Structures are given as C-alpha cells and as structure tokens.
Amino acid sequence: MPADRVEMPTVHPPVPGPAVPEPEPTDEAPAAAQVVGRVLDWYAVHARDLPWRRPECSAWGVMVSEFMLQQTPVARVLGPWATWMDQWPTPAALAAAPAGEAIRMWGRLGYPRRALRLHRTAQAIVERHDGRVPGTEAELRALPGVGEYTAAAVAAFAHRRRTVVVDTNVRRLLARLVRGDAQAPAHPRAAERALAAEHVPDDPERAATWAVSSMELGALVCTARTPHCETCPVADLCAWHLAGHPEGTYAPRTQSYEGTDRQCRGALLAVLREAETPVPTIELRRAWPARRAADPDQFDRALAGLAGDGLVAALDAEHWTLPTG
C-alpha cells in the first residue's frame, strides 16, 4: 500500500470557508452518496495540478507515477517522474534499456526494488500486451510487481474503470468518517475494503473521480497528524470529529533509518549509480566506514542483500556494477 500523498511545499490547506456546523453526535453512519457528492464537489475546486492527472498523460505515465508514489511523497516524485518519462515515454523504451539504467535513474527515491519491478513490468507489457498498459484489474495484477492497489489505481486513473482504490489516505478518511477511529488499523482488513466498496459510485467515470478525490482529501485535509477539520467538506458527517477527536487505538508506525541495513544499502547503491566503470569492493567499503565498527557484518550483509535482490551484480570477487541485463 502506498505511503500518504503529502502536499507539495507550495500547496497549502484550502482556505477556510464558512464555519462547519457542529450538530449533535449520531449513531447513524453517513450516507455514502452524500459523502461522495460533497467530496467530488470539494475536489473540483481544490485538486492539485499533478502531471499524471492531466488528460494528456498516458496510461504508462500513470503507472510510473503509482510505482514512484509508493512510500514516497508527491513533492519528491515530481522531478524524477518527469525525467523518467522524458527518458522512457513508453513501456517499450524502458524494456529495451538495461535494468541497471532503471536503477540509476531511480536516484534517491528510495526502495530501489521498485525500479527493478517497474522494468520487469515494462518487459511484460511489451511481451504480453504489445507495449500497451492493459486496462483490467485482472490483466494488471498478472504483471510482475503490480499488486492489488496499483492494479486498481491504474485501472481507475488511466482507464477510468470502476474499481475499489484503497490507499493509506482512504483508509484513514473512512476510519474517521464512518467508524470514528483516529487511525486505520496497522494492517489492512477485509472490512475496510468492504466499507470502501460501499462508497464507490456505480458510474465508472464518477467512481474513478471519487477514487482520486477521496485520496486527495486524505492527503490535504484529513491528514494523519494535523487534520484540517475546519475546511473538511464532510466534517459535520464525521463520527470522529463529532466525538471530539478521541485518541486512536492504533499508533502510527514509525521506522528508524539511521544506521540501518537499509541506509547502508542506499549508501552502497549511491556509489554504483554514480560510477561509469565497475567499482572495487574496497571503494564500496569507504562509503560505509563509521558503521563497520559498530556492526562488522553490516557491510557484507547489505551488499549480499543488494546482490540477492538483483540490484547489483558481481563481475568478479572484488568488482561490482549495476545489473546489465
């Protein structure tokens, strides 16, 4: 499931409108049609202008954005997405390039296995679908590296299909709106998907717009730490807001990065991305000097992990490069 689509630095929460009324709390769940209508009206005014949302964006451009936005904020994706699309505007263009070039182009977006999966997906699209991004969830799910969320999102946003698109933002929005919980559970549950399905309009075009607008509301207004309830179009229907914002049962997950194997892997991969020739092992060790003393095995473990994931290749016992296949 992708991470929150956070606002770009130049985007501010919507300007407050009239004060939201504070009706008495009710045990009745908000009517889905009423919620959908209000959120769609809000989105028509407040939607961010993102390149992968524009009508001229190809289905491939939408797919690339969905891969990049997994666990990465919008602001960090804008530049790399544009560069990627200039370099590889079609699946065929990426499929023809070495996998190592995809990893190099991925830069510092993080979680570089996404680049490798996207490269394999491009190859599968060329082999199975004549270079065109398929339109059904079943076809998309059959591609390597495409899970339930990405398949639903691409089908909806690129092909305007009626699907159930559930990301972190939507889970949090519906948890507050309907169940009155501050946060969604740490791990997705079947009941959450069923609840999301209840809010999907029957009309495919309206359903696709609801998918992106509910995600946008969660990203810009119903945020995890500082929700802007005063500008929310459905605040007067929200069980959590009406209950006075009770504290959540589920604590937000936090991940340490400093000194981890993941940080070590990133440091080693950064050296290889910048190199035009094979890199000696001793040079890679210089990229991680401070941590070796604290954990003597970390360098070897991280390098072996990169090799096992197919992100680096050993030319011999002492030289490394990005994969060439």
C-alpha atoms as a PDB file:
ATOM      1  CA  MET A   1       0.000   0.000   0.000  1.00  0.00           C
ATOM      2  CA  PRO A   2       1.464   3.172  -0.831  1.00  0.00           C
ATOM      3  CA  ALA A   3       2.501   5.867   1.739  1.00  0.00           C
ATOM      4  CA  ASP A   4       0.477   9.161   2.206  1.00  0.00           C
ATOM      5  CA  ARG A   5       0.392  11.509  -0.792  1.00  0.00           C
ATOM      6  CA  VAL A   6       1.503  14.582   1.103  1.00  0.00           C
ATOM      7  CA  GLU A   7       1.102  18.139  -0.167  1.00  0.00           C
ATOM      8  CA  MET A   8       3.809  19.816  -2.228  1.00  0.00           C
ATOM      9  CA  PRO A   9       5.719  22.587  -0.439  1.00  0.00           C
ATOM     10  CA  THR A  10       3.875  25.273  -2.419  1.00  0.00           C
ATOM     11  CA  VAL A  11       0.442  23.851  -1.654  1.00  0.00           C
ATOM     12  CA  HIS A  12      -1.360  24.995   1.451  1.00  0.00           C
ATOM     13  CA  PRO A  13      -4.531  23.668   3.039  1.00  0.00           C
ATOM     14  CA  PRO A  14      -7.639  25.070   1.360  1.00  0.00           C
ATOM     15  CA  VAL A  15      -8.696  28.496   2.544  1.00  0.00           C
ATOM     16  CA  PRO A  16     -11.278  28.111   5.304  1.00  0.00           C
ATOM     17  CA  GLY A  17     -14.845  28.723   4.213  1.00  0.00           C
ATOM     18  CA  PRO A  18     -17.882  29.219   6.373  1.00  0.00           C
ATOM     19  CA  ALA A  19     -17.726  27.639   9.801  1.00  0.00           C
ATOM     20  CA  VAL A  20     -18.700  23.966   9.770  1.00  0.00           C
ATOM     21  CA  PRO A  21     -21.783  23.369  11.897  1.00  0.00           C
ATOM     22  CA  GLU A  22     -21.400  21.148  14.928  1.00  0.00           C
ATOM     23  CA  PRO A  23     -24.565  19.003  15.075  1.00  0.00           C
ATOM     24  CA  GLU A  24     -25.179  16.562  17.863  1.00  0.00           C
ATOM     25  CA  PRO A  25     -23.345  13.226  17.553  1.00  0.00           C
ATOM     26  CA  THR A  26     -25.340  10.445  15.949  1.00  0.00           C
ATOM     27  CA  ASP A  27     -25.041   6.684  15.815  1.00  0.00           C
ATOM     28  CA  GLU A  28     -26.089   6.624  12.168  1.00  0.00           C
ATOM     29  CA  ALA A  29     -23.375   6.183   9.560  1.00  0.00           C
ATOM     30  CA  PRO A  30     -23.208   8.957   6.933  1.00  0.00           C
ATOM     31  CA  ALA A  31     -24.967   8.195   3.677  1.00  0.00           C
ATOM     32  CA  ALA A  32     -22.357   7.178   1.123  1.00  0.00           C
ATOM     33  CA  ALA A  33     -23.986   9.137  -1.693  1.00  0.00           C
ATOM     34  CA  GLN A  34     -23.972  12.329   0.377  1.00  0.00           C
ATOM     35  CA  VAL A  35     -20.315  11.863   1.279  1.00  0.00           C
ATOM     36  CA  VAL A  36     -19.321  11.143  -2.313  1.00  0.00           C
ATOM     37  CA  GLY A  37     -21.170  14.154  -3.659  1.00  0.00           C
ATOM     38  CA  ARG A  38     -19.569  16.563  -1.227  1.00  0.00           C
ATOM     39  CA  VAL A  39     -16.066  15.191  -1.723  1.00  0.00           C
ATOM     40  CA  LEU A  40     -16.381  15.352  -5.513  1.00  0.00           C
ATOM     41  CA  ASP A  41     -17.502  18.986  -5.278  1.00  0.00           C
ATOM     42  CA  TRP A  42     -14.549  19.743  -2.988  1.00  0.00           C
ATOM     43  CA  TYR A  43     -12.104  18.057  -5.359  1.00  0.00           C
ATOM     44  CA  ALA A  44     -13.367  20.071  -8.334  1.00  0.00           C
ATOM     45  CA  VAL A  45     -12.124  23.194  -6.545  1.00  0.00           C
ATOM     46  CA  HIS A  46      -9.085  22.028  -4.578  1.00  0.00           C
ATOM     47  CA  ALA A  47      -7.435  19.270  -6.661  1.00  0.00           C
ATOM     48  CA  ARG A  48      -3.694  19.643  -7.149  1.00  0.00           C
ATOM     49  CA  ASP A  49      -2.475  20.021 -10.715  1.00  0.00           C
ATOM     50  CA  LEU A  50      -0.244  16.961 -10.992  1.00  0.00           C
ATOM     51  CA  PRO A  51       1.156  15.897 -14.382  1.00  0.00           C
ATOM     52  CA  TRP A  52      -0.068  12.317 -14.150  1.00  0.00           C
ATOM     53  CA  ARG A  53      -3.627  13.575 -13.599  1.00  0.00           C
ATOM     54  CA  ARG A  54      -3.743  15.630 -16.771  1.00  0.00           C
ATOM     55  CA  PRO A  55      -5.850  14.328 -19.690  1.00  0.00           C
ATOM     56  CA  GLU A  56      -2.829  14.101 -21.979  1.00  0.00           C
ATOM     57  CA  CYS A  57      -0.954  11.776 -19.609  1.00  0.00           C
ATOM     58  CA  SER A  58      -0.628   8.240 -20.964  1.00  0.00           C
ATOM     59  CA  ALA A  59      -1.585   5.099 -19.101  1.00  0.00           C
ATOM     60  CA  TRP A  60       2.130   4.379 -18.846  1.00  0.00           C
ATOM     61  CA  GLY A  61       2.692   7.756 -17.199  1.00  0.00           C
ATOM     62  CA  VAL A  62       0.005   6.939 -14.650  1.00  0.00           C
ATOM     63  CA  MET A  63       1.595   3.562 -13.944  1.00  0.00           C
ATOM     64  CA  VAL A  64       5.043   5.094 -13.469  1.00  0.00           C
ATOM     65  CA  SER A  65       3.592   7.605 -11.012  1.00  0.00           C
ATOM     66  CA  GLU A  66       1.921   4.863  -8.988  1.00  0.00           C
ATOM     67  CA  PHE A  67       5.181   2.932  -8.682  1.00  0.00           C
ATOM     68  CA  MET A  68       7.062   6.053  -7.624  1.00  0.00           C
ATOM     69  CA  LEU A  69       4.419   7.228  -5.151  1.00  0.00           C
ATOM     70  CA  GLN A  70       4.598   4.034  -3.128  1.00  0.00           C
ATOM     71  CA  GLN A  71       6.027   5.159   0.238  1.00  0.00           C
ATOM     72  CA  THR A  72       7.256   8.431  -1.295  1.00  0.00           C
ATOM     73  CA  PRO A  73       5.704  11.924  -1.012  1.00  0.00           C
ATOM     74  CA  VAL A  74       4.381  13.708  -4.087  1.00  0.00           C
ATOM     75  CA  ALA A  75       6.926  16.531  -3.833  1.00  0.00           C
ATOM     76  CA  ARG A  76       9.836  14.092  -4.169  1.00  0.00           C
ATOM     77  CA  VAL A  77       8.269  12.309  -7.139  1.00  0.00           C
ATOM     78  CA  LEU A  78       7.528  15.259  -9.443  1.00  0.00           C
ATOM     79  CA  GLY A  79      11.072  15.770 -10.735  1.00  0.00           C
ATOM     80  CA  PRO A  80      12.058  12.097 -11.109  1.00  0.00           C
ATOM     81  CA  TRP A  81       8.736  11.303 -12.818  1.00  0.00           C
ATOM     82  CA  ALA A  82       9.293  13.998 -15.458  1.00  0.00           C
ATOM     83  CA  THR A  83      12.878  12.850 -16.055  1.00  0.00           C
ATOM     84  CA  TRP A  84      11.803   9.217 -16.295  1.00  0.00           C
ATOM     85  CA  MET A  85       9.045   9.988 -18.787  1.00  0.00           C
ATOM     86  CA  ASP A  86      11.448  12.004 -20.940  1.00  0.00           C
ATOM     87  CA  GLN A  87      13.885   9.098 -20.964  1.00  0.00           C
ATOM     88  CA  TRP A  88      11.368   6.267 -21.325  1.00  0.00           C
ATOM     89  CA  PRO A  89       7.998   7.605 -22.560  1.00  0.00           C
ATOM     90  CA  THR A  90       6.678   4.106 -23.291  1.00  0.00           C
ATOM     91  CA  PRO A  91       6.968   0.630 -21.766  1.00  0.00           C
ATOM     92  CA  ALA A  92       8.903  -0.471 -24.854  1.00  0.00           C
ATOM     93  CA  ALA A  93      11.517   2.240 -24.319  1.00  0.00           C
ATOM     94  CA  LEU A  94      12.147   1.126 -20.744  1.00  0.00           C
ATOM     95  CA  ALA A  95      12.050  -2.584 -21.618  1.00  0.00           C
ATOM     96  CA  ALA A  96      14.830  -2.056 -24.160  1.00  0.00           C
ATOM     97  CA  ALA A  97      17.130  -0.443 -21.576  1.00  0.00           C
ATOM     98  CA  PRO A  98      19.319  -2.412 -19.141  1.00  0.00           C
ATOM     99  CA  ALA A  99      17.801  -2.889 -15.703  1.00  0.00           C
ATOM    100  CA  GLY A 100      20.800  -1.108 -14.223  1.00  0.00           C
ATOM    101  CA  GLU A 101      19.855   2.085 -16.047  1.00  0.00           C
ATOM    102  CA  ALA A 102      16.422   1.997 -14.429  1.00  0.00           C
ATOM    103  CA  ILE A 103      18.081   1.669 -11.024  1.00  0.00           C
ATOM    104  CA  ARG A 104      20.450   4.526 -11.871  1.00  0.00           C
ATOM    105  CA  MET A 105      17.591   6.767 -12.997  1.00  0.00           C
ATOM    106  CA  TRP A 106      15.632   5.959  -9.842  1.00  0.00           C
ATOM    107  CA  GLY A 107      18.172   8.036  -7.960  1.00  0.00           C
ATOM    108  CA  ARG A 108      17.330   8.728  -4.318  1.00  0.00           C
ATOM    109  CA  LEU A 109      13.618   7.989  -4.417  1.00  0.00           C
ATOM    110  CA  GLY A 110      14.249   5.102  -2.032  1.00  0.00           C
ATOM    111  CA  TYR A 111      13.160   1.462  -2.120  1.00  0.00           C
ATOM    112  CA  PRO A 112      15.038   0.886  -5.429  1.00  0.00           C
ATOM    113  CA  ARG A 113      13.485  -2.535  -5.910  1.00  0.00           C
ATOM    114  CA  ARG A 114      10.546  -0.568  -7.263  1.00  0.00           C
ATOM    115  CA  ALA A 115      12.719   0.442 -10.233  1.00  0.00           C
ATOM    116  CA  LEU A 116      13.587  -3.176 -10.899  1.00  0.00           C
ATOM    117  CA  ARG A 117       9.937  -4.222 -10.654  1.00  0.00           C
ATOM    118  CA  LEU A 118       8.872  -1.410 -12.982  1.00  0.00           C
ATOM    119  CA  HIS A 119      11.492  -2.529 -15.511  1.00  0.00           C
ATOM    120  CA  ARG A 120      10.185  -6.096 -15.373  1.00  0.00           C
ATOM    121  CA  THR A 121       6.633  -4.827 -15.686  1.00  0.00           C
ATOM    122  CA  ALA A 122       7.567  -2.872 -18.812  1.00  0.00           C
ATOM    123  CA  GLN A 123       9.078  -6.025 -20.325  1.00  0.00           C
ATOM    124  CA  ALA A 124       5.914  -7.995 -19.538  1.00  0.00           C
ATOM    125  CA  ILE A 125       3.717  -5.291 -21.084  1.00  0.00           C
ATOM    126  CA  VAL A 126       5.755  -5.480 -24.286  1.00  0.00           C
ATOM    127  CA  GLU A 127       5.702  -9.283 -24.347  1.00  0.00           C
ATOM    128  CA  ARG A 128       2.050  -9.815 -23.398  1.00  0.00           C
ATOM    129  CA  HIS A 129       0.193  -6.650 -24.408  1.00  0.00           C
ATOM    130  CA  ASP A 130       2.004  -5.301 -27.465  1.00  0.00           C
ATOM    131  CA  GLY A 131       3.507  -2.489 -25.428  1.00  0.00           C
ATOM    132  CA  ARG A 132       0.199  -1.098 -24.141  1.00  0.00           C
ATOM    133  CA  VAL A 133      -0.710  -0.886 -20.467  1.00  0.00           C
ATOM    134  CA  PRO A 134      -3.683  -3.243 -20.010  1.00  0.00           C
ATOM    135  CA  GLY A 135      -6.967  -1.876 -18.715  1.00  0.00           C
ATOM    136  CA  THR A 136      -8.477  -4.537 -16.486  1.00  0.00           C
ATOM    137  CA  GLU A 137      -7.506  -5.270 -12.906  1.00  0.00           C
ATOM    138  CA  ALA A 138      -7.006  -8.954 -13.694  1.00  0.00           C
ATOM    139  CA  GLU A 139      -4.555  -8.196 -16.504  1.00  0.00           C
ATOM    140  CA  LEU A 140      -2.738  -5.644 -14.402  1.00  0.00           C
ATOM    141  CA  ARG A 141      -2.479  -7.962 -11.399  1.00  0.00           C
ATOM    142  CA  ALA A 142      -0.837 -10.565 -13.640  1.00  0.00           C
ATOM    143  CA  LEU A 143       2.077  -8.200 -14.316  1.00  0.00           C
ATOM    144  CA  PRO A 144       5.210  -8.587 -12.139  1.00  0.00           C
ATOM    145  CA  GLY A 145       5.380  -6.013  -9.369  1.00  0.00           C
ATOM    146  CA  VAL A 146       1.721  -4.968  -9.625  1.00  0.00           C
ATOM    147  CA  GLY A 147      -0.349  -5.598  -6.509  1.00  0.00           C
ATOM    148  CA  GLU A 148      -3.978  -5.040  -5.615  1.00  0.00           C
ATOM    149  CA  TYR A 149      -3.716  -1.303  -5.001  1.00  0.00           C
ATOM    150  CA  THR A 150      -1.628  -0.497  -8.098  1.00  0.00           C
ATOM    151  CA  ALA A 151      -3.893  -2.552 -10.361  1.00  0.00           C
ATOM    152  CA  ALA A 152      -6.998  -0.791  -9.075  1.00  0.00           C
ATOM    153  CA  ALA A 153      -5.376   2.642  -9.276  1.00  0.00           C
ATOM    154  CA  VAL A 154      -4.112   2.232 -12.845  1.00  0.00           C
ATOM    155  CA  ALA A 155      -7.441   0.796 -13.992  1.00  0.00           C
ATOM    156  CA  ALA A 156      -9.262   3.758 -12.446  1.00  0.00           C
ATOM    157  CA  PHE A 157      -6.926   6.659 -13.170  1.00  0.00           C
ATOM    158  CA  ALA A 158      -5.601   5.589 -16.578  1.00  0.00           C
ATOM    159  CA  HIS A 159      -8.615   3.736 -17.983  1.00  0.00           C
ATOM    160  CA  ARG A 160     -11.486   5.276 -15.974  1.00  0.00           C
ATOM    161  CA  ARG A 161     -12.710   1.897 -14.768  1.00  0.00           C
ATOM    162  CA  ARG A 162     -14.910   1.355 -11.731  1.00  0.00           C
ATOM    163  CA  THR A 163     -12.601  -0.122  -9.098  1.00  0.00           C
ATOM    164  CA  VAL A 164     -12.104  -0.023  -5.339  1.00  0.00           C
ATOM    165  CA  VAL A 165      -8.956   2.041  -4.761  1.00  0.00           C
ATOM    166  CA  VAL A 166      -7.829   1.938  -1.134  1.00  0.00           C
ATOM    167  CA  ASP A 167      -4.600   3.611  -0.059  1.00  0.00           C
ATOM    168  CA  THR A 168      -3.435   4.910   3.324  1.00  0.00           C
ATOM    169  CA  ASN A 169      -5.311   8.174   2.864  1.00  0.00           C
ATOM    170  CA  VAL A 170      -8.611   6.484   2.043  1.00  0.00           C
ATOM    171  CA  ARG A 171      -8.275   4.053   4.929  1.00  0.00           C
ATOM    172  CA  ARG A 172      -7.718   6.913   7.380  1.00  0.00           C
ATOM    173  CA  LEU A 173     -10.532   9.017   5.915  1.00  0.00           C
ATOM    174  CA  LEU A 174     -13.118   6.242   6.173  1.00  0.00           C
ATOM    175  CA  ALA A 175     -11.877   5.128   9.600  1.00  0.00           C
ATOM    176  CA  ARG A 176     -12.616   8.597  10.940  1.00  0.00           C
ATOM    177  CA  LEU A 177     -15.707   9.342   8.924  1.00  0.00           C
ATOM    178  CA  VAL A 178     -17.638   6.124   9.481  1.00  0.00           C
ATOM    179  CA  ARG A 179     -16.089   4.280  12.427  1.00  0.00           C
ATOM    180  CA  GLY A 180     -14.961   7.245  14.494  1.00  0.00           C
ATOM    181  CA  ASP A 181     -11.388   5.930  14.806  1.00  0.00           C
ATOM    182  CA  ALA A 182      -8.453   8.340  14.730  1.00  0.00           C
ATOM    183  CA  GLN A 183      -6.392   5.996  12.567  1.00  0.00           C
ATOM    184  CA  ALA A 184      -6.919   2.912  10.466  1.00  0.00           C
ATOM    185  CA  PRO A 185      -5.525  -0.404  11.756  1.00  0.00           C
ATOM    186  CA  ALA A 186      -1.840  -1.032  11.189  1.00  0.00           C
ATOM    187  CA  HIS A 187      -2.628  -3.688   8.595  1.00  0.00           C
ATOM    188  CA  PRO A 188      -5.469  -3.534   6.026  1.00  0.00           C
ATOM    189  CA  ARG A 189      -8.524  -5.624   6.821  1.00  0.00           C
ATOM    190  CA  ALA A 190     -11.262  -7.108   4.670  1.00  0.00           C
ATOM    191  CA  ALA A 191     -13.844  -4.964   6.455  1.00  0.00           C
ATOM    192  CA  GLU A 192     -12.032  -1.821   5.305  1.00  0.00           C
ATOM    193  CA  ARG A 193     -12.225  -2.860   1.667  1.00  0.00           C
ATOM    194  CA  ALA A 194     -15.904  -3.686   2.078  1.00  0.00           C
ATOM    195  CA  LEU A 195     -16.515  -0.257   3.578  1.00  0.00           C
ATOM    196  CA  ALA A 196     -14.607   1.398   0.744  1.00  0.00           C
ATOM    197  CA  ALA A 197     -16.615  -0.586  -1.811  1.00  0.00           C
ATOM    198  CA  GLU A 198     -19.846   0.783  -0.336  1.00  0.00           C
ATOM    199  CA  HIS A 199     -18.730   4.301  -1.258  1.00  0.00           C
ATOM    200  CA  VAL A 200     -17.809   3.619  -4.905  1.00  0.00           C
ATOM    201  CA  PRO A 201     -20.405   5.126  -7.299  1.00  0.00           C
ATOM    202  CA  ASP A 202     -21.899   2.886  -9.966  1.00  0.00           C
ATOM    203  CA  ASP A 203     -20.904   5.147 -12.854  1.00  0.00           C
ATOM    204  CA  PRO A 204     -17.303   4.325 -13.896  1.00  0.00           C
ATOM    205  CA  GLU A 205     -16.238   7.925 -14.559  1.00  0.00           C
ATOM    206  CA  ARG A 206     -17.707   9.131 -11.285  1.00  0.00           C
ATOM    207  CA  ALA A 207     -16.138   6.154  -9.498  1.00  0.00           C
ATOM    208  CA  ALA A 208     -12.691   6.963 -10.896  1.00  0.00           C
ATOM    209  CA  THR A 209     -13.025  10.586  -9.813  1.00  0.00           C
ATOM    210  CA  TRP A 210     -14.203   9.505  -6.356  1.00  0.00           C
ATOM    211  CA  ALA A 211     -11.101   7.331  -6.038  1.00  0.00           C
ATOM    212  CA  VAL A 212      -8.710  10.208  -6.625  1.00  0.00           C
ATOM    213  CA  SER A 213     -10.782  12.794  -4.742  1.00  0.00           C
ATOM    214  CA  SER A 214     -11.027  10.690  -1.566  1.00  0.00           C
ATOM    215  CA  MET A 215      -7.264  10.141  -1.680  1.00  0.00           C
ATOM    216  CA  GLU A 216      -6.742  13.869  -2.175  1.00  0.00           C
ATOM    217  CA  LEU A 217      -8.968  14.773   0.767  1.00  0.00           C
ATOM    218  CA  GLY A 218      -6.949  12.445   2.981  1.00  0.00           C
ATOM    219  CA  ALA A 219      -3.660  13.876   1.731  1.00  0.00           C
ATOM    220  CA  LEU A 220      -4.521  17.561   2.063  1.00  0.00           C
ATOM    221  CA  VAL A 221      -7.213  17.826   4.750  1.00  0.00           C
ATOM    222  CA  CYS A 222      -7.756  14.605   6.710  1.00  0.00           C
ATOM    223  CA  THR A 223      -4.054  14.252   7.384  1.00  0.00           C
ATOM    224  CA  ALA A 224      -2.560  11.836   9.886  1.00  0.00           C
ATOM    225  CA  ARG A 225      -1.146  14.308  12.424  1.00  0.00           C
ATOM    226  CA  THR A 226      -2.837  17.685  11.865  1.00  0.00           C
ATOM    227  CA  PRO A 227      -6.222  17.243  10.184  1.00  0.00           C
ATOM    228  CA  HIS A 228      -7.875  20.450   8.990  1.00  0.00           C
ATOM    229  CA  CYS A 229     -11.409  19.650  10.077  1.00  0.00           C
ATOM    230  CA  GLU A 230     -12.416  23.293   9.725  1.00  0.00           C
ATOM    231  CA  THR A 231     -12.096  23.007   5.930  1.00  0.00           C
ATOM    232  CA  CYS A 232     -13.332  19.437   5.516  1.00  0.00           C
ATOM    233  CA  PRO A 233     -16.461  19.131   3.344  1.00  0.00           C
ATOM    234  CA  VAL A 234     -17.789  16.209   5.398  1.00  0.00           C
ATOM    235  CA  ALA A 235     -16.775  17.273   8.910  1.00  0.00           C
ATOM    236  CA  ASP A 236     -20.409  17.517  10.023  1.00  0.00           C
ATOM    237  CA  LEU A 237     -20.880  13.879   8.996  1.00  0.00           C
ATOM    238  CA  CYS A 238     -17.636  12.591  10.506  1.00  0.00           C
ATOM    239  CA  ALA A 239     -18.036  10.304  13.517  1.00  0.00           C
ATOM    240  CA  TRP A 240     -14.515  11.052  14.762  1.00  0.00           C
ATOM    241  CA  HIS A 241     -14.974  14.819  14.509  1.00  0.00           C
ATOM    242  CA  LEU A 242     -18.372  14.717  16.210  1.00  0.00           C
ATOM    243  CA  ALA A 243     -16.930  12.611  19.025  1.00  0.00           C
ATOM    244  CA  GLY A 244     -14.327  15.282  19.781  1.00  0.00           C
ATOM    245  CA  HIS A 245     -11.309  13.673  18.115  1.00  0.00           C
ATOM    246  CA  PRO A 246     -10.687  10.794  20.529  1.00  0.00           C
ATOM    247  CA  GLU A 247      -7.175   9.380  20.552  1.00  0.00           C
ATOM    248  CA  GLY A 248      -6.518   6.480  18.266  1.00  0.00           C
ATOM    249  CA  THR A 249      -6.307   2.836  19.236  1.00  0.00           C
ATOM    250  CA  TYR A 250      -3.648   2.201  16.608  1.00  0.00           C
ATOM    251  CA  ALA A 251      -0.388   4.076  16.999  1.00  0.00           C
ATOM    252  CA  PRO A 252       1.171   5.341  13.737  1.00  0.00           C
ATOM    253  CA  ARG A 253       4.028   3.163  12.610  1.00  0.00           C
ATOM    254  CA  THR A 254       7.471   4.749  12.752  1.00  0.00           C
ATOM    255  CA  GLN A 255      10.602   3.356  11.177  1.00  0.00           C
ATOM    256  CA  SER A 256      14.147   4.194  12.207  1.00  0.00           C
ATOM    257  CA  TYR A 257      16.530   4.763   9.311  1.00  0.00           C
ATOM    258  CA  GLU A 258      19.797   5.949  10.812  1.00  0.00           C
ATOM    259  CA  GLY A 259      22.351   3.154  10.985  1.00  0.00           C
ATOM    260  CA  THR A 260      20.072   0.523   9.471  1.00  0.00           C
ATOM    261  CA  ASP A 261      20.914  -2.009   6.789  1.00  0.00           C
ATOM    262  CA  ARG A 262      18.606  -0.010   4.522  1.00  0.00           C
ATOM    263  CA  GLN A 263      20.743   3.104   4.978  1.00  0.00           C
ATOM    264  CA  CYS A 264      23.881   1.080   4.313  1.00  0.00           C
ATOM    265  CA  ARG A 265      22.351  -0.384   1.137  1.00  0.00           C
ATOM    266  CA  GLY A 266      21.446   3.114  -0.024  1.00  0.00           C
ATOM    267  CA  ALA A 267      24.992   4.369   0.528  1.00  0.00           C
ATOM    268  CA  LEU A 268      26.472   1.500  -1.486  1.00  0.00           C
ATOM    269  CA  LEU A 269      23.937   1.858  -4.272  1.00  0.00           C
ATOM    270  CA  ALA A 270      24.626   5.604  -4.500  1.00  0.00           C
ATOM    271  CA  VAL A 271      28.284   4.870  -5.287  1.00  0.00           C
ATOM    272  CA  LEU A 272      27.348   2.414  -8.023  1.00  0.00           C
ATOM    273  CA  ARG A 273      24.797   4.784  -9.557  1.00  0.00           C
ATOM    274  CA  GLU A 274      27.457   7.463  -9.947  1.00  0.00           C
ATOM    275  CA  ALA A 275      30.123   5.116 -11.309  1.00  0.00           C
ATOM    276  CA  GLU A 276      30.729   4.655 -15.033  1.00  0.00           C
ATOM    277  CA  THR A 277      33.037   1.687 -14.516  1.00  0.00           C
ATOM    278  CA  PRO A 278      32.970  -1.314 -12.148  1.00  0.00           C
ATOM    279  CA  VAL A 279      33.546  -0.361  -8.509  1.00  0.00           C
ATOM    280  CA  PRO A 280      36.088  -2.275  -6.366  1.00  0.00           C
ATOM    281  CA  THR A 281      34.796  -3.693  -3.103  1.00  0.00           C
ATOM    282  CA  ILE A 282      37.320  -1.622  -1.151  1.00  0.00           C
ATOM    283  CA  GLU A 283      35.830   1.558  -2.619  1.00  0.00           C
ATOM    284  CA  LEU A 284      32.347   0.480  -1.610  1.00  0.00           C
ATOM    285  CA  ARG A 285      33.615  -0.096   1.932  1.00  0.00           C
ATOM    286  CA  ARG A 286      34.707   3.545   2.083  1.00  0.00           C
ATOM    287  CA  ALA A 287      31.051   4.557   1.619  1.00  0.00           C
ATOM    288  CA  TRP A 288      30.187   2.973   4.973  1.00  0.00           C
ATOM    289  CA  PRO A 289      33.187   3.459   7.284  1.00  0.00           C
ATOM    290  CA  ALA A 290      31.575   4.644  10.507  1.00  0.00           C
ATOM    291  CA  ARG A 291      29.110   1.797  10.893  1.00  0.00           C
ATOM    292  CA  ARG A 292      31.560  -1.035  10.295  1.00  0.00           C
ATOM    293  CA  ALA A 293      32.987  -0.691  13.783  1.00  0.00           C
ATOM    294  CA  ALA A 294      29.541  -0.836  15.375  1.00  0.00           C
ATOM    295  CA  ASP A 295      28.394  -3.773  13.267  1.00  0.00           C
ATOM    296  CA  PRO A 296      31.267  -5.527  11.483  1.00  0.00           C
ATOM    297  CA  ASP A 297      28.923  -7.694   9.428  1.00  0.00           C
ATOM    298  CA  GLN A 298      26.612  -4.923   8.212  1.00  0.00           C
ATOM    299  CA  PHE A 299      28.528  -4.051   5.041  1.00  0.00           C
ATOM    300  CA  ASP A 300      28.751  -7.668   3.880  1.00  0.00           C
ATOM    301  CA  ARG A 301      25.097  -8.263   4.782  1.00  0.00           C
ATOM    302  CA  ALA A 302      23.929  -5.177   2.899  1.00  0.00           C
ATOM    303  CA  LEU A 303      25.992  -5.926  -0.200  1.00  0.00           C
ATOM    304  CA  ALA A 304      24.806  -9.532  -0.261  1.00  0.00           C
ATOM    305  CA  GLY A 305      21.239  -8.305   0.091  1.00  0.00           C
ATOM    306  CA  LEU A 306      21.600  -5.946  -2.865  1.00  0.00           C
ATOM    307  CA  ALA A 307      23.032  -8.764  -4.955  1.00  0.00           C
ATOM    308  CA  GLY A 308      20.261 -11.130  -3.865  1.00  0.00           C
ATOM    309  CA  ASP A 309      17.627  -8.573  -4.886  1.00  0.00           C
ATOM    310  CA  GLY A 310      19.206  -8.184  -8.312  1.00  0.00           C
ATOM    311  CA  LEU A 311      20.124  -4.540  -7.699  1.00  0.00           C
ATOM    312  CA  VAL A 312      23.877  -5.050  -8.108  1.00  0.00           C
ATOM    313  CA  ALA A 313      25.984  -7.578  -9.985  1.00  0.00           C
ATOM    314  CA  ALA A 314      29.414  -9.015  -9.166  1.00  0.00           C
ATOM    315  CA  LEU A 315      31.844  -9.047 -12.083  1.00  0.00           C
ATOM    316  CA  ASP A 316      34.366 -10.956 -10.004  1.00  0.00           C
ATOM    317  CA  ALA A 317      35.236 -11.355  -6.350  1.00  0.00           C
ATOM    318  CA  GLU A 318      36.292  -7.712  -5.988  1.00  0.00           C
ATOM    319  CA  HIS A 319      34.308  -5.634  -8.510  1.00  0.00           C
ATOM    320  CA  TRP A 320      30.645  -4.597  -8.611  1.00  0.00           C
ATOM    321  CA  THR A 321      28.307  -2.867 -11.013  1.00  0.00           C
ATOM    322  CA  LEU A 322      24.630  -2.231 -11.589  1.00  0.00           C
ATOM    323  CA  PRO A 323      22.895  -5.092 -13.443  1.00  0.00           C
ATOM    324  CA  THR A 324      23.374  -5.026 -17.202  1.00  0.00           C
ATOM    325  CA  GLY A 325      20.571  -7.386 -18.208  1.00  0.00           C
END
